[in-house]
Amino acid sequence: MKLVRRRDAQPGYVSHDPWIRKRRWLGPGDAPSLIQMAAASIPAGRRTSPHVHEDMWEVFLVLAGGGQARVGRQSVPLAAGDCLVVEPGEAHWLAADARRRLKVFYLGLAPEAARRAQARPARRSRR
């Protein structure tokens, strides 16, 4: 078991946009196939730089606020409770609404883990 309290999560900045603060609970080696588990807050009226992760899936959960995401050529609105999955190689960015900060929780997952999970049938737990 591993427990990371919020106070112990590592503060830092998003690599492709150092003006966006993040807090990372887990990183490489903390769980199989996990690259990172973090939360970030995009200031109102700002957006991330368009970028691509060739070696990572990103799974975002919108915690608060609202905004927009662009993945490839498709734009979608984002609201609290929405979940967005970006595949390796997909160019993307996230933007906060003009008047509200966009707070997201996200996972970075290694591509081979996703392929293994899709190929494996679901298992039932035994109790």
N, C-alpha and C. Protein backbone atom coordinates (compact mmCIF):
# COMPACT_ATOMS: atom_id res chain seq x y z
N MET A 1 0.84 -1.18 0.00
CA MET A 1 0.00 0.00 0.00
C MET A 1 0.88 1.24 0.00
N LYS A 2 0.39 2.26 -0.66
CA LYS A 2 1.07 3.55 -0.65
C LYS A 2 0.01 4.62 -0.44
N LEU A 3 0.25 5.51 0.50
CA LEU A 3 -0.66 6.62 0.77
C LEU A 3 0.13 7.91 0.62
N VAL A 4 -0.37 8.82 -0.21
CA VAL A 4 0.26 10.13 -0.37
C VAL A 4 -0.77 11.17 0.04
N ARG A 5 -0.49 11.87 1.10
CA ARG A 5 -1.38 12.93 1.57
C ARG A 5 -1.18 14.17 0.70
N ARG A 6 -2.22 14.97 0.60
CA ARG A 6 -2.14 16.19 -0.22
C ARG A 6 -0.94 17.03 0.16
N ARG A 7 -0.68 17.16 1.45
CA ARG A 7 0.44 18.00 1.91
C ARG A 7 1.79 17.45 1.44
N ASP A 8 1.83 16.15 1.11
CA ASP A 8 3.07 15.53 0.67
C ASP A 8 3.20 15.43 -0.85
N ALA A 9 2.12 15.74 -1.57
CA ALA A 9 2.18 15.70 -3.03
C ALA A 9 3.14 16.80 -3.51
N GLN A 10 3.93 16.48 -4.53
CA GLN A 10 4.97 17.39 -5.00
C GLN A 10 4.41 18.54 -5.82
N PRO A 11 4.64 19.79 -5.38
CA PRO A 11 4.23 20.93 -6.20
C PRO A 11 5.22 21.09 -7.35
N GLY A 12 4.73 21.62 -8.44
CA GLY A 12 5.60 21.84 -9.59
C GLY A 12 4.85 22.58 -10.67
N TYR A 13 5.35 22.46 -11.88
CA TYR A 13 4.77 23.15 -13.03
C TYR A 13 4.64 22.17 -14.19
N VAL A 14 3.67 22.41 -15.06
CA VAL A 14 3.46 21.59 -16.24
C VAL A 14 4.64 21.80 -17.19
N SER A 15 5.24 20.72 -17.68
CA SER A 15 6.47 20.82 -18.48
C SER A 15 6.31 21.66 -19.74
N HIS A 16 5.18 21.56 -20.42
CA HIS A 16 5.01 22.30 -21.68
C HIS A 16 4.49 23.71 -21.46
N ASP A 17 4.05 24.04 -20.24
CA ASP A 17 3.57 25.39 -19.90
C ASP A 17 3.95 25.70 -18.46
N PRO A 18 5.16 26.19 -18.23
CA PRO A 18 5.63 26.36 -16.86
C PRO A 18 4.86 27.39 -16.04
N TRP A 19 3.96 28.11 -16.62
CA TRP A 19 3.12 29.05 -15.85
C TRP A 19 1.91 28.36 -15.24
N ILE A 20 1.66 27.09 -15.58
CA ILE A 20 0.56 26.33 -14.99
C ILE A 20 1.12 25.49 -13.84
N ARG A 21 0.61 25.77 -12.65
CA ARG A 21 1.05 25.01 -11.48
C ARG A 21 0.33 23.67 -11.43
N LYS A 22 1.03 22.66 -10.92
CA LYS A 22 0.42 21.36 -10.73
C LYS A 22 0.88 20.79 -9.40
N ARG A 23 0.21 19.76 -8.96
CA ARG A 23 0.60 19.01 -7.77
C ARG A 23 0.55 17.55 -8.16
N ARG A 24 1.67 16.84 -7.98
CA ARG A 24 1.77 15.45 -8.41
C ARG A 24 1.76 14.51 -7.21
N TRP A 25 0.79 13.62 -7.20
CA TRP A 25 0.69 12.63 -6.14
C TRP A 25 1.56 11.41 -6.44
N LEU A 26 1.57 10.97 -7.69
CA LEU A 26 2.33 9.78 -8.08
C LEU A 26 3.13 10.06 -9.33
N GLY A 27 4.23 9.36 -9.49
CA GLY A 27 5.07 9.51 -10.66
C GLY A 27 5.54 8.16 -11.15
N PRO A 28 6.51 8.15 -12.07
CA PRO A 28 7.00 6.89 -12.63
C PRO A 28 7.47 5.94 -11.53
N GLY A 29 7.06 4.68 -11.65
CA GLY A 29 7.47 3.66 -10.72
C GLY A 29 6.57 3.51 -9.50
N ASP A 30 5.64 4.46 -9.29
CA ASP A 30 4.75 4.37 -8.13
C ASP A 30 3.62 3.37 -8.33
N ALA A 31 3.23 3.12 -9.57
CA ALA A 31 2.20 2.14 -9.91
C ALA A 31 2.50 1.67 -11.33
N PRO A 32 2.29 0.39 -11.63
CA PRO A 32 2.59 -0.10 -12.98
C PRO A 32 1.88 0.71 -14.06
N SER A 33 2.61 1.08 -15.08
CA SER A 33 2.09 1.77 -16.27
C SER A 33 1.72 3.22 -16.02
N LEU A 34 1.81 3.70 -14.78
CA LEU A 34 1.47 5.09 -14.47
C LEU A 34 2.69 5.97 -14.69
N ILE A 35 2.52 7.02 -15.47
CA ILE A 35 3.59 7.99 -15.67
C ILE A 35 3.43 9.11 -14.64
N GLN A 36 2.19 9.58 -14.47
CA GLN A 36 1.94 10.56 -13.42
C GLN A 36 0.47 10.63 -13.08
N MET A 37 0.21 11.10 -11.87
CA MET A 37 -1.14 11.42 -11.40
C MET A 37 -1.02 12.81 -10.81
N ALA A 38 -1.76 13.76 -11.36
CA ALA A 38 -1.56 15.15 -10.95
C ALA A 38 -2.86 15.94 -11.07
N ALA A 39 -2.82 17.15 -10.56
CA ALA A 39 -3.92 18.10 -10.71
C ALA A 39 -3.31 19.42 -11.14
N ALA A 40 -4.03 20.15 -11.99
CA ALA A 40 -3.53 21.45 -12.46
C ALA A 40 -4.69 22.42 -12.53
N SER A 41 -4.34 23.70 -12.51
CA SER A 41 -5.33 24.75 -12.57
C SER A 41 -4.92 25.75 -13.65
N ILE A 42 -5.75 25.89 -14.67
CA ILE A 42 -5.46 26.81 -15.77
C ILE A 42 -6.20 28.11 -15.46
N PRO A 43 -5.49 29.23 -15.37
CA PRO A 43 -6.14 30.50 -15.04
C PRO A 43 -7.20 30.90 -16.06
N ALA A 44 -8.18 31.66 -15.59
CA ALA A 44 -9.27 32.14 -16.46
C ALA A 44 -8.70 32.85 -17.68
N GLY A 45 -9.26 32.52 -18.84
CA GLY A 45 -8.86 33.16 -20.08
C GLY A 45 -7.56 32.65 -20.68
N ARG A 46 -6.94 31.65 -20.10
CA ARG A 46 -5.67 31.12 -20.61
C ARG A 46 -5.87 29.71 -21.17
N ARG A 47 -4.89 29.26 -21.94
CA ARG A 47 -4.93 27.89 -22.45
C ARG A 47 -3.52 27.32 -22.47
N THR A 48 -3.46 26.01 -22.49
CA THR A 48 -2.16 25.36 -22.61
C THR A 48 -1.65 25.54 -24.03
N SER A 49 -0.38 25.34 -24.21
CA SER A 49 0.18 25.34 -25.55
C SER A 49 -0.28 24.07 -26.26
N PRO A 50 -0.52 24.14 -27.57
CA PRO A 50 -0.80 22.90 -28.30
C PRO A 50 0.43 21.99 -28.16
N HIS A 51 0.18 20.72 -27.86
CA HIS A 51 1.29 19.80 -27.67
C HIS A 51 0.85 18.36 -27.91
N VAL A 52 1.85 17.48 -28.00
CA VAL A 52 1.64 16.05 -28.28
C VAL A 52 2.49 15.25 -27.31
N HIS A 53 1.94 14.15 -26.81
CA HIS A 53 2.71 13.19 -26.03
C HIS A 53 2.75 11.90 -26.84
N GLU A 54 3.88 11.58 -27.39
CA GLU A 54 4.01 10.36 -28.20
C GLU A 54 4.00 9.10 -27.32
N ASP A 55 4.37 9.27 -26.05
CA ASP A 55 4.58 8.12 -25.18
C ASP A 55 3.59 8.05 -24.02
N MET A 56 2.45 8.72 -24.13
CA MET A 56 1.56 8.76 -22.98
C MET A 56 0.10 9.03 -23.38
N TRP A 57 -0.80 8.27 -22.76
CA TRP A 57 -2.22 8.59 -22.78
C TRP A 57 -2.43 9.62 -21.67
N GLU A 58 -3.35 10.55 -21.86
CA GLU A 58 -3.74 11.45 -20.78
C GLU A 58 -5.24 11.30 -20.56
N VAL A 59 -5.62 11.17 -19.31
CA VAL A 59 -7.02 11.07 -18.93
C VAL A 59 -7.30 12.22 -17.97
N PHE A 60 -8.16 13.14 -18.40
CA PHE A 60 -8.48 14.33 -17.61
C PHE A 60 -9.87 14.21 -17.00
N LEU A 61 -10.00 14.61 -15.75
CA LEU A 61 -11.29 14.75 -15.10
C LEU A 61 -11.40 16.22 -14.69
N VAL A 62 -12.44 16.89 -15.18
CA VAL A 62 -12.64 18.29 -14.84
C VAL A 62 -13.24 18.36 -13.43
N LEU A 63 -12.50 19.00 -12.53
CA LEU A 63 -12.94 19.11 -11.14
C LEU A 63 -13.82 20.35 -10.91
N ALA A 64 -13.45 21.45 -11.57
CA ALA A 64 -14.19 22.70 -11.36
C ALA A 64 -13.95 23.63 -12.54
N GLY A 65 -14.86 24.58 -12.68
CA GLY A 65 -14.73 25.55 -13.75
C GLY A 65 -15.24 24.99 -15.06
N GLY A 66 -14.81 25.60 -16.12
CA GLY A 66 -15.24 25.17 -17.44
C GLY A 66 -14.28 25.69 -18.48
N GLY A 67 -14.43 25.20 -19.68
CA GLY A 67 -13.55 25.64 -20.75
C GLY A 67 -13.77 24.83 -22.00
N GLN A 68 -12.68 24.59 -22.68
CA GLN A 68 -12.74 23.92 -23.97
C GLN A 68 -11.48 23.10 -24.14
N ALA A 69 -11.61 22.01 -24.89
CA ALA A 69 -10.45 21.20 -25.28
C ALA A 69 -10.44 21.08 -26.79
N ARG A 70 -9.27 21.03 -27.33
CA ARG A 70 -9.12 20.73 -28.75
C ARG A 70 -8.19 19.54 -28.85
N VAL A 71 -8.68 18.50 -29.52
CA VAL A 71 -7.89 17.28 -29.75
C VAL A 71 -7.95 17.04 -31.25
N GLY A 72 -6.78 17.10 -31.88
CA GLY A 72 -6.76 17.02 -33.34
C GLY A 72 -7.51 18.20 -33.91
N ARG A 73 -8.51 17.93 -34.71
CA ARG A 73 -9.32 19.02 -35.31
C ARG A 73 -10.66 19.20 -34.63
N GLN A 74 -10.89 18.46 -33.55
CA GLN A 74 -12.18 18.51 -32.86
C GLN A 74 -12.09 19.32 -31.58
N SER A 75 -13.01 20.28 -31.42
CA SER A 75 -13.12 21.07 -30.20
C SER A 75 -14.36 20.63 -29.43
N VAL A 76 -14.22 20.54 -28.11
CA VAL A 76 -15.35 20.15 -27.27
C VAL A 76 -15.38 21.05 -26.03
N PRO A 77 -16.60 21.38 -25.55
CA PRO A 77 -16.69 22.14 -24.30
C PRO A 77 -16.38 21.22 -23.12
N LEU A 78 -15.86 21.81 -22.05
CA LEU A 78 -15.56 21.06 -20.84
C LEU A 78 -16.29 21.69 -19.66
N ALA A 79 -16.85 20.83 -18.80
CA ALA A 79 -17.54 21.29 -17.59
C ALA A 79 -17.18 20.33 -16.46
N ALA A 80 -17.39 20.78 -15.23
CA ALA A 80 -17.10 19.95 -14.06
C ALA A 80 -17.77 18.59 -14.21
N GLY A 81 -17.02 17.54 -13.96
CA GLY A 81 -17.52 16.17 -14.07
C GLY A 81 -17.22 15.51 -15.39
N ASP A 82 -16.80 16.27 -16.40
CA ASP A 82 -16.46 15.69 -17.70
C ASP A 82 -15.12 14.96 -17.62
N CYS A 83 -14.99 13.90 -18.41
CA CYS A 83 -13.75 13.13 -18.51
C CYS A 83 -13.32 13.12 -19.97
N LEU A 84 -12.08 13.44 -20.22
CA LEU A 84 -11.53 13.49 -21.58
C LEU A 84 -10.32 12.58 -21.66
N VAL A 85 -10.28 11.73 -22.68
CA VAL A 85 -9.15 10.83 -22.91
C VAL A 85 -8.44 11.27 -24.19
N VAL A 86 -7.14 11.50 -24.08
CA VAL A 86 -6.32 11.88 -25.22
C VAL A 86 -5.31 10.76 -25.47
N GLU A 87 -5.31 10.24 -26.68
CA GLU A 87 -4.43 9.12 -27.02
C GLU A 87 -3.02 9.61 -27.37
N PRO A 88 -2.02 8.73 -27.24
CA PRO A 88 -0.67 9.11 -27.65
C PRO A 88 -0.67 9.58 -29.11
N GLY A 89 0.08 10.64 -29.37
CA GLY A 89 0.19 11.16 -30.73
C GLY A 89 -0.88 12.16 -31.12
N GLU A 90 -1.90 12.37 -30.28
CA GLU A 90 -2.95 13.35 -30.60
C GLU A 90 -2.55 14.73 -30.10
N ALA A 91 -2.47 15.68 -31.03
CA ALA A 91 -2.19 17.07 -30.64
C ALA A 91 -3.40 17.59 -29.86
N HIS A 92 -3.13 18.34 -28.79
CA HIS A 92 -4.23 18.80 -27.96
C HIS A 92 -3.85 20.04 -27.15
N TRP A 93 -4.89 20.73 -26.68
CA TRP A 93 -4.74 21.80 -25.70
C TRP A 93 -6.03 21.92 -24.90
N LEU A 94 -5.92 22.53 -23.72
CA LEU A 94 -7.07 22.80 -22.86
C LEU A 94 -7.11 24.30 -22.61
N ALA A 95 -8.31 24.86 -22.53
CA ALA A 95 -8.47 26.29 -22.27
C ALA A 95 -9.52 26.52 -21.21
N ALA A 96 -9.28 27.52 -20.36
CA ALA A 96 -10.25 27.92 -19.34
C ALA A 96 -11.18 28.98 -19.91
N ASP A 97 -12.41 29.01 -19.41
CA ASP A 97 -13.35 30.07 -19.78
C ASP A 97 -12.74 31.43 -19.43
N ALA A 98 -13.28 32.48 -20.03
CA ALA A 98 -12.76 33.83 -19.81
C ALA A 98 -12.86 34.26 -18.34
N ARG A 99 -13.88 33.78 -17.63
CA ARG A 99 -14.09 34.25 -16.26
C ARG A 99 -13.87 33.20 -15.18
N ARG A 100 -13.56 31.95 -15.59
CA ARG A 100 -13.40 30.88 -14.59
C ARG A 100 -12.14 30.09 -14.83
N ARG A 101 -11.47 29.76 -13.78
CA ARG A 101 -10.32 28.87 -13.79
C ARG A 101 -10.79 27.47 -14.17
N LEU A 102 -9.98 26.69 -14.86
CA LEU A 102 -10.28 25.30 -15.21
C LEU A 102 -9.39 24.41 -14.36
N LYS A 103 -9.99 23.64 -13.45
CA LYS A 103 -9.23 22.75 -12.58
C LYS A 103 -9.43 21.32 -13.06
N VAL A 104 -8.31 20.63 -13.30
CA VAL A 104 -8.37 19.25 -13.80
C VAL A 104 -7.49 18.34 -12.96
N PHE A 105 -7.93 17.12 -12.83
CA PHE A 105 -7.16 16.03 -12.26
C PHE A 105 -6.80 15.15 -13.44
N TYR A 106 -5.57 14.68 -13.54
CA TYR A 106 -5.24 13.88 -14.71
C TYR A 106 -4.23 12.78 -14.42
N LEU A 107 -4.34 11.76 -15.26
CA LEU A 107 -3.42 10.62 -15.23
C LEU A 107 -2.66 10.57 -16.54
N GLY A 108 -1.37 10.28 -16.46
CA GLY A 108 -0.56 9.97 -17.63
C GLY A 108 -0.28 8.47 -17.59
N LEU A 109 -0.67 7.76 -18.63
CA LEU A 109 -0.53 6.30 -18.66
C LEU A 109 0.33 5.87 -19.84
N ALA A 110 1.16 4.88 -19.61
CA ALA A 110 2.01 4.34 -20.67
C ALA A 110 1.15 3.64 -21.72
N PRO A 111 1.44 3.83 -23.01
CA PRO A 111 0.62 3.24 -24.07
C PRO A 111 0.49 1.73 -24.01
N GLU A 112 1.55 1.02 -23.64
CA GLU A 112 1.47 -0.44 -23.63
C GLU A 112 0.48 -0.94 -22.59
N ALA A 113 0.27 -0.19 -21.53
CA ALA A 113 -0.71 -0.60 -20.52
C ALA A 113 -2.12 -0.57 -21.09
N ALA A 114 -2.42 0.42 -21.89
CA ALA A 114 -3.75 0.52 -22.50
C ALA A 114 -3.98 -0.63 -23.48
N ARG A 115 -2.96 -0.96 -24.26
CA ARG A 115 -3.11 -2.07 -25.21
C ARG A 115 -3.35 -3.38 -24.47
N ARG A 116 -2.61 -3.60 -23.38
CA ARG A 116 -2.81 -4.83 -22.61
C ARG A 116 -4.21 -4.88 -22.01
N ALA A 117 -4.68 -3.76 -21.50
CA ALA A 117 -6.01 -3.73 -20.87
C ALA A 117 -7.10 -4.01 -21.89
N GLN A 118 -6.97 -3.49 -23.11
CA GLN A 118 -7.98 -3.71 -24.14
C GLN A 118 -7.98 -5.15 -24.61
N ALA A 119 -6.83 -5.80 -24.58
CA ALA A 119 -6.74 -7.18 -25.07
C ALA A 119 -7.21 -8.19 -24.03
N ARG A 120 -7.27 -7.80 -22.78
CA ARG A 120 -7.60 -8.70 -21.70
C ARG A 120 -9.10 -8.64 -21.40
N PRO A 121 -9.76 -9.79 -21.25
CA PRO A 121 -11.18 -9.75 -20.85
C PRO A 121 -11.30 -9.28 -19.40
N ALA A 122 -12.40 -8.64 -19.07
CA ALA A 122 -12.64 -8.19 -17.71
C ALA A 122 -12.70 -9.38 -16.76
N ARG A 123 -12.15 -9.20 -15.57
CA ARG A 123 -12.18 -10.27 -14.56
C ARG A 123 -13.13 -9.86 -13.45
N ARG A 124 -13.81 -10.85 -12.91
CA ARG A 124 -14.66 -10.59 -11.76
C ARG A 124 -13.86 -10.84 -10.51
N SER A 125 -14.15 -10.04 -9.49
CA SER A 125 -13.48 -10.29 -8.22
C SER A 125 -14.17 -11.45 -7.53
N ARG A 126 -13.39 -12.18 -6.76
CA ARG A 126 -13.95 -13.32 -6.02
C ARG A 126 -14.07 -12.93 -4.57
N ARG A 127 -15.22 -13.14 -4.00
CA ARG A 127 -15.43 -12.84 -2.58
C ARG A 127 -16.05 -14.01 -1.90
